[in-house]
Amino acid sequence: MKQITRNASLLAASAVLLGLAVPLTASADEPPAAGHAPLVWTDCSGSGLDPRQRCATVDVPLDYSDPDGRTIEIAVSRIPAEKPSARRGALLLIPGGPGGDSLRNPSGKGQKLPQQVRDAYDLVGFAPRGMAPSTAVDCKLDPADLGTTKLLPWPDTDGSVAGNMATARRTAEACARNGGELIRHISTANEARDLDRVRAALGERKISAWGVSYGTYVGAVYSQLFPHRTDRIVLDSNNDPDPTRVTRGWLAAFETGVEDNFPEFARWASRPGNPDRVARTPAEVRSGFLSLAARLDREPLPWPGANPPRLDGNALRQTMLTNLYDPDDYPVLAKAILAAREGTVPPVPESPPESVLQNTAAVGVGTICNDVDWPDSAAAYQRDVDESRATHPLTAGMPRGPMVCAAWPFTPREPAVRVTDRGPSNILLVQNERDVATPLSGALKLRRALGDRAVMVTVNSTGHDAYLANGNACGDRTVSRFLATGKRPGSDLYCA
């Protein structure tokens, strides 16, 4: 779940509830939803945007069980297809998160798409419900609780989860007090329903999508709820869709993701001639990291300007986790290790303004806690964390710790969507073999759940985000061909 770390990173539902808002599936012959006024496109706010990008808002129900009740706004952006005679439709750019948006993506990553794809599709970004400039939510958390080592459940230095449980209670109480009615209606299923309202407002009978990280789950849920509204769907860096765990399972997957990726860093950090060489051998990189983290647990260094303002073992572990997302960031981790080993501290990581962190945190909290119910037993979490610390020392128990959902005061309004193989065969999964946030093991579970609806391209590469990012030329070619022509490999493909 990329945004939980980077930014601090339902079909089983009642048919009665869903029937009040949207059909479980849409007929292939059904016309686009009527009654939507044409979108009013205006200049987008912000700098550095492509001058062709324009913005609008779409009204959607706050509560899909009360479709005629209060509405909220979803902000959307668009760059039209560059060759009208070749236009096929719209390509939704579904962001990671939860807590990310793609409003700038038509001007950004969308411009990395090959010309044939940009000729064929309007590139459409959006801010999910709760994310500014859509109708925004804010829990007004204590600024100290916005630090990544608080938003993620890094245990106390002795492995205790008592501090995590206290943070969970504070955060849950703040969201219940300050999040309003909107905080209860933020969920993956509702994001998927919002996207279908966006599709209808765009006047599209069907829509294509490129979902990344958490966006793969959104794309899979949309494809489950609205299978006949989908055209060509690319899911990039994929999550396990287990409806009994959802984000709790993705958090646990960091154990595997770190173990898949740390050896790559260790090889790089022990290479002769590397100006940021940490040790002579990969084994020494690992043992040295573990020893340094343990020392910082006992004797943290002051780290003015950081949140919290100390470099302890968990801050070093979080630095590791963040910088394993992209091999280009290995030098940042190496420099942090070298500095801490000498008793100094690295530069404080850049952080968005507090208002952005508050908004991102609230959307993330609302989504992960409303998607599925989490256990509330501190003793059960403690057992899991103890086991995790013993078997996966690099992550020190964090992946199995209690997040805010352990104290969430609200019961999910519906079960999580169960992703199945029912629907058209129009999905292409692309997945790096070594991905710290969405490991291959979880992607294979989504592949199995989708069955014959999907083909999967596994890329022999390291890092999070595969297509046009940390993948390879073979994977990029395969995805680009699918978006441009609809042609997929005849079976699952390995891109060496």
Protein backbone atom coordinates (compact mmCIF):
# COMPACT_ATOMS: atom_id res chain seq x y z
CA MET A 1 0.00 0.00 0.00
CA LYS A 2 2.21 2.64 -1.29
CA GLN A 3 0.68 5.82 0.04
CA ILE A 4 0.55 4.63 3.64
CA THR A 5 4.31 4.57 3.67
CA ARG A 6 5.12 7.21 1.10
CA ASN A 7 2.86 9.90 2.57
CA ALA A 8 3.16 9.61 6.39
CA SER A 9 1.50 5.07 2.47
CA LEU A 10 -18.41 -5.12 -2.37
CA LEU A 11 -19.73 -7.85 -4.18
CA ALA A 12 -20.39 -9.82 -1.03
CA ALA A 13 -22.40 -6.83 0.22
CA SER A 14 -26.13 -6.99 0.69
CA ALA A 15 -27.93 -6.88 -2.64
CA VAL A 16 -30.59 -4.77 -0.98
CA LEU A 17 -28.10 -2.07 0.01
CA LEU A 18 -26.32 -2.07 -3.33
CA GLY A 19 -29.58 -2.13 -5.20
CA LEU A 20 -30.53 1.22 -3.75
CA ALA A 21 -27.55 2.82 -5.44
CA VAL A 22 -26.16 0.88 -8.38
CA PRO A 23 -26.76 -2.51 -9.98
CA LEU A 24 -24.42 -5.33 -9.01
CA THR A 25 -23.63 -5.60 -12.70
CA ALA A 26 -24.58 -3.49 -15.67
CA SER A 27 -26.03 -4.95 -18.83
CA ALA A 28 -23.80 -4.71 -21.86
CA ASP A 29 -26.75 -3.24 -23.76
CA GLU A 30 -27.64 -0.66 -21.14
CA PRO A 31 -27.06 2.94 -22.29
CA PRO A 32 -24.92 5.31 -20.27
CA ALA A 33 -26.56 6.69 -17.17
CA ALA A 34 -28.88 9.54 -17.99
CA GLY A 35 -29.57 12.73 -16.11
CA HIS A 36 -25.99 13.96 -15.86
CA ALA A 37 -25.48 17.56 -16.87
CA PRO A 38 -22.48 18.13 -19.12
CA LEU A 39 -19.31 18.67 -17.16
CA VAL A 40 -18.12 22.26 -16.88
CA TRP A 41 -14.41 22.23 -17.62
CA THR A 42 -12.34 25.06 -16.16
CA ASP A 43 -8.69 25.88 -15.56
CA CYS A 44 -6.99 23.62 -13.02
CA SER A 45 -5.29 25.09 -9.98
CA GLY A 46 -1.62 24.39 -9.42
CA SER A 47 1.59 25.04 -11.30
CA GLY A 48 3.51 22.97 -13.80
CA LEU A 49 0.43 21.49 -15.47
CA ASP A 50 0.07 20.83 -19.17
CA PRO A 51 -1.98 23.74 -20.60
CA ARG A 52 -4.32 21.21 -22.22
CA GLN A 53 -5.39 19.83 -18.83
CA ARG A 54 -8.79 21.02 -17.62
CA CYS A 55 -10.72 20.30 -14.42
CA ALA A 56 -14.33 19.77 -13.39
CA THR A 57 -16.38 18.29 -10.54
CA VAL A 58 -18.90 15.46 -10.44
CA ASP A 59 -21.63 15.29 -7.78
CA VAL A 60 -22.04 11.85 -6.18
CA PRO A 61 -24.15 10.61 -3.26
CA LEU A 62 -22.52 10.79 0.15
CA ASP A 63 -24.41 7.60 1.04
CA TYR A 64 -25.22 5.26 -1.83
CA SER A 65 -28.02 3.70 0.22
CA ASP A 66 -29.67 7.16 0.07
CA PRO A 67 -28.97 8.20 -3.54
CA ASP A 68 -31.30 11.20 -3.36
CA GLY A 69 -29.76 12.53 -0.16
CA ARG A 70 -26.74 14.72 0.44
CA THR A 71 -24.13 14.86 -2.31
CA ILE A 72 -20.39 15.47 -2.28
CA GLU A 73 -18.04 16.56 -5.05
CA ILE A 74 -15.40 14.50 -6.84
CA ALA A 75 -12.75 16.58 -8.60
CA VAL A 76 -11.63 15.28 -12.00
CA SER A 77 -9.04 16.37 -14.55
CA ARG A 78 -8.65 15.56 -18.22
CA ILE A 79 -6.37 15.93 -21.21
CA PRO A 80 -8.30 14.98 -24.38
CA ALA A 81 -7.09 12.31 -26.76
CA GLU A 82 -4.46 13.80 -29.05
CA LYS A 83 -5.83 12.32 -32.28
CA PRO A 84 -9.64 12.63 -32.44
CA SER A 85 -9.87 10.27 -35.42
CA ALA A 86 -8.17 7.54 -33.36
CA ARG A 87 -10.02 8.20 -30.11
CA ARG A 88 -11.27 5.08 -28.34
CA GLY A 89 -12.48 6.50 -25.03
CA ALA A 90 -11.21 7.57 -21.62
CA LEU A 91 -8.37 6.08 -19.56
CA LEU A 92 -8.85 6.51 -15.82
CA LEU A 93 -5.57 6.95 -13.95
CA ILE A 94 -6.35 5.32 -10.59
CA PRO A 95 -3.87 6.38 -7.89
CA GLY A 96 -2.25 4.47 -5.07
CA GLY A 97 -3.07 5.02 -1.46
CA PRO A 98 -5.47 5.03 0.12
CA GLY A 99 -4.78 8.71 0.45
CA GLY A 100 -3.42 9.45 -3.03
CA ASP A 101 -4.94 11.33 -5.94
CA SER A 102 -4.23 11.47 -9.66
CA LEU A 103 -5.38 14.99 -10.55
CA ARG A 104 -1.94 15.95 -11.86
CA ASN A 105 -1.33 12.62 -13.58
CA PRO A 106 -2.71 13.52 -17.02
CA SER A 107 0.04 16.17 -17.14
CA GLY A 108 2.60 13.94 -15.38
CA LYS A 109 2.86 10.18 -15.67
CA GLY A 110 0.19 10.18 -18.38
CA GLN A 111 2.63 11.94 -20.70
CA LYS A 112 4.99 8.97 -20.40
CA LEU A 113 2.44 6.84 -22.23
CA PRO A 114 3.38 6.10 -25.83
CA GLN A 115 1.92 8.33 -28.52
CA GLN A 116 -0.46 5.64 -29.79
CA VAL A 117 -2.07 5.42 -26.35
CA ARG A 118 -2.27 9.21 -25.90
CA ASP A 119 -3.84 9.45 -29.36
CA ALA A 120 -6.55 6.96 -28.39
CA TYR A 121 -7.59 8.05 -24.89
CA ASP A 122 -8.62 11.04 -22.90
CA LEU A 123 -6.39 10.86 -19.83
CA VAL A 124 -8.54 11.31 -16.72
CA GLY A 125 -7.35 11.89 -13.17
CA PHE A 126 -9.38 12.40 -10.01
CA ALA A 127 -9.24 13.03 -6.28
CA PRO A 128 -11.07 10.21 -4.45
CA ARG A 129 -13.86 11.05 -2.04
CA GLY A 130 -12.50 12.84 0.97
CA MET A 131 -9.34 14.06 -0.82
CA ALA A 132 -9.07 17.78 -1.45
CA PRO A 133 -10.05 19.44 -3.75
CA SER A 134 -12.93 16.95 -3.74
CA THR A 135 -15.16 17.37 -0.69
CA ALA A 136 -12.48 16.93 1.94
CA VAL A 137 -12.26 15.16 5.29
CA ASP A 138 -9.98 16.00 8.23
CA CYS A 139 -9.56 14.18 11.55
CA LYS A 140 -7.54 17.06 13.09
CA LEU A 141 -4.97 14.68 14.52
CA ASP A 142 -2.34 15.76 16.98
CA PRO A 143 0.65 16.67 14.74
CA ALA A 144 2.78 14.18 16.68
CA ASP A 145 0.49 11.41 15.42
CA LEU A 146 1.17 12.33 11.78
CA GLY A 147 4.68 10.89 11.86
CA THR A 148 5.06 7.79 9.72
CA THR A 149 6.25 5.70 12.65
CA LYS A 150 2.94 6.55 14.35
CA LEU A 151 0.68 6.05 11.32
CA LEU A 152 2.34 2.68 10.78
CA PRO A 153 2.30 0.41 13.85
CA TRP A 154 6.01 0.23 14.67
CA PRO A 155 6.10 -1.39 18.13
CA ASP A 156 7.87 0.09 21.12
CA THR A 157 11.59 -0.70 21.38
CA ASP A 158 10.84 -3.71 23.60
CA GLY A 159 8.28 -5.03 21.10
CA SER A 160 5.26 -3.92 23.10
CA VAL A 161 2.12 -2.85 21.20
CA ALA A 162 0.86 -0.74 24.11
CA GLY A 163 1.98 2.47 22.40
CA ASN A 164 0.33 1.40 19.15
CA MET A 165 -2.97 0.79 20.93
CA ALA A 166 -2.80 4.20 22.61
CA THR A 167 -2.13 5.87 19.25
CA ALA A 168 -4.99 3.91 17.68
CA ARG A 169 -7.41 5.12 20.36
CA ARG A 170 -6.33 8.75 20.02
CA THR A 171 -6.57 8.65 16.24
CA ALA A 172 -9.92 6.87 16.17
CA GLU A 173 -11.41 9.28 18.70
CA ALA A 174 -10.18 12.29 16.71
CA CYS A 175 -11.66 10.93 13.47
CA ALA A 176 -14.98 10.13 15.13
CA ARG A 177 -15.07 13.62 16.67
CA ASN A 178 -13.88 15.65 13.68
CA GLY A 179 -14.45 13.56 10.56
CA GLY A 180 -18.17 14.23 10.28
CA GLU A 181 -20.51 11.98 8.36
CA LEU A 182 -18.08 11.76 5.45
CA ILE A 183 -15.50 9.73 7.40
CA ARG A 184 -18.05 6.90 7.69
CA HIS A 185 -18.68 6.77 3.94
CA ILE A 186 -15.10 6.55 2.67
CA SER A 187 -14.38 3.05 1.35
CA THR A 188 -13.02 1.25 -1.67
CA ALA A 189 -16.48 0.17 -2.78
CA ASN A 190 -17.71 3.76 -2.64
CA GLU A 191 -14.66 4.94 -4.58
CA ALA A 192 -15.55 2.40 -7.27
CA ARG A 193 -19.15 3.66 -7.32
CA ASP A 194 -17.89 7.23 -7.57
CA LEU A 195 -15.78 6.22 -10.57
CA ASP A 196 -18.84 4.87 -12.29
CA ARG A 197 -20.53 8.23 -11.75
CA VAL A 198 -17.45 9.86 -13.27
CA ARG A 199 -17.70 7.49 -16.24
CA ALA A 200 -21.33 8.43 -16.77
CA ALA A 201 -20.61 12.15 -16.40
CA LEU A 202 -17.91 11.83 -19.06
CA GLY A 203 -20.52 10.32 -21.37
CA GLU A 204 -18.63 7.04 -21.74
CA ARG A 205 -20.44 3.73 -22.16
CA LYS A 206 -17.29 1.90 -21.07
CA ILE A 207 -14.05 3.05 -19.53
CA SER A 208 -10.46 1.87 -19.48
CA ALA A 209 -8.18 2.22 -16.48
CA TRP A 210 -4.57 2.08 -15.32
CA GLY A 211 -4.57 1.39 -11.58
CA VAL A 212 -1.36 1.39 -9.56
CA SER A 213 -0.74 -0.15 -6.10
CA TYR A 214 -3.90 0.41 -4.00
CA GLY A 215 -5.40 1.50 -7.32
CA THR A 216 -5.21 -2.13 -8.47
CA TYR A 217 -7.66 -3.06 -5.73
CA VAL A 218 -9.92 -0.16 -6.71
CA GLY A 219 -9.71 -1.29 -10.34
CA ALA A 220 -10.46 -4.90 -9.41
CA VAL A 221 -13.44 -3.85 -7.27
CA TYR A 222 -14.76 -1.61 -10.06
CA SER A 223 -14.37 -4.50 -12.51
CA GLN A 224 -16.35 -6.69 -10.11
CA LEU A 225 -19.18 -4.26 -9.45
CA PHE A 226 -19.42 -2.92 -13.02
CA PRO A 227 -17.93 -5.62 -15.26
CA HIS A 228 -19.73 -4.52 -18.43
CA ARG A 229 -18.61 -0.93 -17.97
CA THR A 230 -14.95 -1.92 -18.37
CA ASP A 231 -12.96 -1.75 -21.59
CA ARG A 232 -9.20 -2.31 -21.13
CA ILE A 233 -8.00 -2.58 -17.52
CA VAL A 234 -4.34 -2.50 -16.50
CA LEU A 235 -3.54 -3.34 -12.86
CA ASP A 236 0.04 -2.44 -11.98
CA SER A 237 1.72 -3.57 -8.70
CA ASN A 238 -1.04 -5.68 -7.31
CA ASN A 239 -2.58 -6.33 -3.91
CA ASP A 240 -3.98 -9.54 -2.45
CA PRO A 241 -7.78 -9.05 -2.67
CA ASP A 242 -8.61 -11.21 0.39
CA PRO A 243 -11.95 -9.70 1.50
CA THR A 244 -11.50 -10.86 5.10
CA ARG A 245 -8.30 -8.85 5.61
CA VAL A 246 -7.88 -6.22 2.85
CA THR A 247 -5.38 -3.62 4.15
CA ARG A 248 -4.53 -5.73 7.17
CA GLY A 249 -3.23 -8.33 4.76
CA TRP A 250 -1.33 -5.73 2.74
CA LEU A 251 0.35 -4.48 5.90
CA ALA A 252 1.40 -8.02 6.79
CA ALA A 253 2.84 -8.43 3.30
CA PHE A 254 5.61 -5.95 4.13
CA GLU A 255 7.35 -8.87 5.87
CA THR A 256 7.65 -10.63 2.52
CA GLY A 257 8.25 -7.46 0.52
CA VAL A 258 11.21 -6.38 2.63
CA GLU A 259 12.76 -9.85 2.55
CA ASP A 260 12.32 -9.91 -1.25
CA ASN A 261 13.99 -6.51 -1.67
CA PHE A 262 16.60 -6.04 1.05
CA PRO A 263 19.00 -8.53 -0.62
CA GLU A 264 19.01 -6.30 -3.72
CA PHE A 265 19.95 -3.30 -1.59
CA ALA A 266 22.56 -5.34 0.27
CA ARG A 267 24.23 -6.42 -2.97
CA TRP A 268 24.29 -2.82 -4.17
CA ALA A 269 25.50 -1.47 -0.81
CA SER A 270 28.42 -3.93 -0.68
CA ARG A 271 29.62 -3.44 -4.24
CA PRO A 272 33.28 -2.40 -4.55
CA GLY A 273 33.63 1.10 -5.93
CA ASN A 274 30.22 2.23 -4.66
CA PRO A 275 30.79 5.66 -3.06
CA ASP A 276 28.02 4.81 -0.58
CA ARG A 277 29.33 1.33 0.19
CA VAL A 278 28.05 0.19 3.59
CA ALA A 279 29.90 -3.12 4.06
CA ARG A 280 32.09 -5.64 2.28
CA THR A 281 29.44 -8.34 1.74
CA PRO A 282 25.64 -8.49 1.52
CA ALA A 283 25.56 -10.52 4.73
CA GLU A 284 27.47 -7.78 6.52
CA VAL A 285 25.04 -5.15 5.22
CA ARG A 286 22.15 -7.05 6.76
CA SER A 287 23.81 -7.84 10.07
CA GLY A 288 25.13 -4.30 10.33
CA PHE A 289 21.69 -2.82 9.70
CA LEU A 290 20.11 -4.99 12.38
CA SER A 291 22.84 -4.11 14.88
CA LEU A 292 22.54 -0.40 14.13
CA ALA A 293 18.76 -0.43 14.51
CA ALA A 294 19.07 -2.22 17.84
CA ARG A 295 21.65 0.31 19.03
CA LEU A 296 19.38 3.22 18.03
CA ASP A 297 16.53 1.55 19.93
CA ARG A 298 18.71 1.79 23.05
CA GLU A 299 20.39 5.11 22.28
CA PRO A 300 18.38 7.26 19.83
CA LEU A 301 19.99 10.31 18.27
CA PRO A 302 18.36 13.76 18.35
CA TRP A 303 16.92 14.53 14.91
CA PRO A 304 15.71 18.15 14.94
CA GLY A 305 12.91 18.84 12.47
CA ALA A 306 11.84 15.23 12.12
CA ASN A 307 8.54 13.82 13.42
CA PRO A 308 9.26 12.50 16.01
CA PRO A 309 12.49 14.50 16.52
CA ARG A 310 14.76 11.52 17.12
CA LEU A 311 16.47 8.91 15.01
CA ASP A 312 15.67 5.66 16.77
CA GLY A 313 15.57 2.12 15.48
CA ASN A 314 12.08 2.48 14.08
CA ALA A 315 12.98 5.69 12.25
CA LEU A 316 15.86 3.83 10.61
CA ARG A 317 13.60 0.89 9.74
CA GLN A 318 11.05 3.29 8.24
CA THR A 319 13.84 4.92 6.23
CA MET A 320 14.70 1.46 4.94
CA LEU A 321 11.09 0.70 4.02
CA THR A 322 10.55 4.00 2.23
CA ASN A 323 13.75 3.75 0.19
CA LEU A 324 13.25 0.15 -0.90
CA TYR A 325 10.38 1.31 -3.12
CA ASP A 326 12.77 2.44 -5.84
CA PRO A 327 16.38 1.30 -6.40
CA ASP A 328 17.20 4.90 -7.34
CA ASP A 329 16.67 5.71 -3.66
CA TYR A 330 19.21 3.20 -2.35
CA PRO A 331 21.82 5.97 -1.82
CA VAL A 332 19.45 7.75 0.59
CA LEU A 333 19.25 4.63 2.76
CA ALA A 334 22.97 3.99 2.55
CA LYS A 335 23.81 7.56 3.56
CA ALA A 336 21.40 7.30 6.51
CA ILE A 337 23.11 4.11 7.68
CA LEU A 338 26.56 5.61 7.32
CA ALA A 339 25.57 8.80 9.15
CA ALA A 340 23.87 6.99 12.05
CA ARG A 341 26.80 4.63 12.39
CA GLU A 342 29.01 7.67 12.96
CA GLY A 343 26.57 9.20 15.46
CA THR A 344 25.18 11.87 13.14
CA VAL A 345 21.81 12.12 11.42
CA PRO A 346 20.81 12.32 7.74
CA PRO A 347 18.80 15.23 6.33
CA VAL A 348 15.17 15.28 7.47
CA PRO A 349 12.95 13.80 4.73
CA GLU A 350 10.80 16.31 2.89
CA SER A 351 7.22 16.36 4.08
CA PRO A 352 4.03 17.88 2.64
CA PRO A 353 2.31 20.70 4.55
CA GLU A 354 0.46 19.61 7.68
CA SER A 355 -2.93 20.28 6.04
CA VAL A 356 -2.08 17.80 3.29
CA LEU A 357 -0.86 15.21 5.80
CA GLN A 358 -4.06 15.63 7.82
CA ASN A 359 -6.21 15.10 4.73
CA THR A 360 -4.17 12.15 3.49
CA ALA A 361 -4.23 10.49 6.90
CA ALA A 362 -7.99 10.92 7.27
CA VAL A 363 -8.75 9.41 3.87
CA GLY A 364 -6.37 6.52 4.53
CA VAL A 365 -7.84 5.86 7.97
CA GLY A 366 -11.42 6.05 6.72
CA THR A 367 -10.76 3.67 3.84
CA ILE A 368 -8.84 0.97 5.67
CA CYS A 369 -11.14 0.94 8.70
CA ASN A 370 -14.41 1.05 6.75
CA ASP A 371 -13.39 -1.64 4.26
CA VAL A 372 -13.13 -4.41 6.85
CA ASP A 373 -13.41 -4.87 10.61
CA TRP A 374 -10.08 -5.29 12.46
CA PRO A 375 -9.58 -7.24 15.71
CA ASP A 376 -9.49 -5.15 18.88
CA SER A 377 -7.52 -7.51 21.13
CA ALA A 378 -4.16 -6.07 22.20
CA ALA A 379 -3.11 -9.53 23.38
CA ALA A 380 -3.75 -11.05 19.93
CA TYR A 381 -1.74 -8.32 18.22
CA GLN A 382 1.06 -8.80 20.75
CA ARG A 383 1.28 -12.51 19.95
CA ASP A 384 1.45 -11.75 16.22
CA VAL A 385 4.06 -9.04 16.68
CA ASP A 386 6.22 -11.27 18.87
CA GLU A 387 6.16 -13.98 16.22
CA SER A 388 6.88 -11.50 13.45
CA ARG A 389 9.85 -10.01 15.31
CA ALA A 390 11.35 -13.46 15.67
CA THR A 391 10.91 -14.50 12.05
CA HIS A 392 11.32 -11.17 10.22
CA PRO A 393 13.72 -9.01 12.23
CA LEU A 394 14.13 -6.36 9.53
CA THR A 395 10.54 -5.19 10.03
CA ALA A 396 10.56 -5.70 13.83
CA GLY A 397 6.91 -6.76 14.09
CA MET A 398 5.37 -3.69 12.44
CA PRO A 399 3.51 -5.55 9.66
CA ARG A 400 1.35 -7.41 12.18
CA GLY A 401 0.75 -4.56 14.61
CA PRO A 402 -2.49 -2.73 15.42
CA MET A 403 -3.30 0.25 13.24
CA VAL A 404 -5.99 2.78 14.10
CA CYS A 405 -8.67 0.30 13.00
CA ALA A 406 -8.04 -1.71 16.18
CA ALA A 407 -9.92 1.06 18.01
CA TRP A 408 -12.29 2.19 15.21
CA PRO A 409 -15.68 2.99 16.74
CA PHE A 410 -17.72 2.25 13.61
CA THR A 411 -18.72 -1.09 12.10
CA PRO A 412 -18.17 -1.37 8.34
CA ARG A 413 -21.43 -0.60 6.57
CA GLU A 414 -21.00 -3.55 4.20
CA PRO A 415 -18.64 -6.48 3.70
CA ALA A 416 -15.64 -5.99 1.45
CA VAL A 417 -16.08 -6.89 -2.21
CA ARG A 418 -15.01 -10.41 -3.13
CA VAL A 419 -13.13 -10.27 -6.42
CA THR A 420 -14.07 -13.21 -8.69
CA ASP A 421 -13.62 -14.50 -12.23
CA ARG A 422 -17.10 -13.40 -13.33
CA GLY A 423 -17.01 -10.83 -16.11
CA PRO A 424 -15.29 -10.07 -19.42
CA SER A 425 -11.71 -11.14 -20.01
CA ASN A 426 -10.17 -7.70 -20.41
CA ILE A 427 -7.70 -7.32 -17.52
CA LEU A 428 -3.90 -7.26 -17.73
CA LEU A 429 -1.85 -7.48 -14.54
CA VAL A 430 1.76 -6.28 -14.57
CA GLN A 431 3.95 -7.05 -11.57
CA ASN A 432 7.60 -6.66 -10.64
CA GLU A 433 9.16 -9.79 -9.20
CA ARG A 434 10.65 -7.87 -6.25
CA ASP A 435 8.26 -5.23 -4.88
CA VAL A 436 8.47 -4.13 -1.25
CA ALA A 437 4.90 -2.80 -0.99
CA THR A 438 2.92 -5.21 -3.17
CA PRO A 439 4.98 -8.41 -3.31
CA LEU A 440 4.60 -10.98 -6.04
CA SER A 441 2.99 -13.43 -3.62
CA GLY A 442 0.00 -11.12 -3.16
CA ALA A 443 -0.24 -10.34 -6.86
CA LEU A 444 -0.52 -14.04 -7.62
CA LYS A 445 -3.55 -14.22 -5.32
CA LEU A 446 -5.28 -11.48 -7.29
CA ARG A 447 -4.36 -13.33 -10.48
CA ARG A 448 -5.98 -16.51 -9.15
CA ALA A 449 -9.09 -14.64 -8.00
CA LEU A 450 -9.62 -13.12 -11.46
CA GLY A 451 -9.16 -16.45 -13.24
CA ASP A 452 -9.76 -16.30 -16.99
CA ARG A 453 -10.64 -12.61 -16.80
CA ALA A 454 -6.94 -11.75 -16.59
CA VAL A 455 -3.48 -12.37 -17.96
CA MET A 456 -0.45 -11.55 -15.81
CA VAL A 457 2.94 -10.21 -16.89
CA THR A 458 5.64 -10.83 -14.27
CA VAL A 459 8.66 -8.60 -14.74
CA ASN A 460 12.16 -9.54 -13.62
CA SER A 461 12.73 -6.20 -11.92
CA THR A 462 13.00 -4.55 -8.52
CA GLY A 463 10.88 -1.73 -7.12
CA HIS A 464 7.31 -0.59 -6.70
CA ASP A 465 5.32 0.37 -9.82
CA ALA A 466 6.19 -1.59 -12.93
CA TYR A 467 4.73 -0.01 -16.08
CA LEU A 468 6.85 2.92 -17.32
CA ALA A 469 8.60 3.09 -13.93
CA ASN A 470 10.67 0.31 -12.31
CA GLY A 471 9.82 -2.45 -14.76
CA ASN A 472 11.57 -3.37 -18.00
CA ALA A 473 11.15 -2.87 -21.74
CA CYS A 474 9.39 -6.20 -22.28
CA GLY A 475 6.76 -5.43 -19.64
CA ASP A 476 6.29 -1.89 -20.91
CA ARG A 477 5.84 -3.07 -24.51
CA THR A 478 3.28 -5.66 -23.45
CA VAL A 479 1.15 -3.17 -21.51
CA SER A 480 1.40 -0.46 -24.17
CA ARG A 481 0.31 -2.90 -26.88
CA PHE A 482 -2.71 -3.93 -24.81
CA LEU A 483 -3.82 -0.35 -24.20
CA ALA A 484 -3.30 0.63 -27.83
CA THR A 485 -4.66 -2.47 -29.58
CA GLY A 486 -6.39 -4.68 -27.01
CA LYS A 487 -3.94 -7.51 -27.68
CA ARG A 488 -2.77 -9.43 -24.61
CA PRO A 489 -0.39 -12.36 -24.39
CA GLY A 490 -2.13 -15.68 -24.94
CA SER A 491 -1.12 -16.78 -21.46
CA ASP A 492 0.75 -15.46 -18.45
CA LEU A 493 4.13 -14.06 -19.45
CA TYR A 494 7.50 -13.72 -17.74
CA CYS A 495 9.52 -10.72 -18.89
CA ALA A 496 13.17 -11.53 -18.19
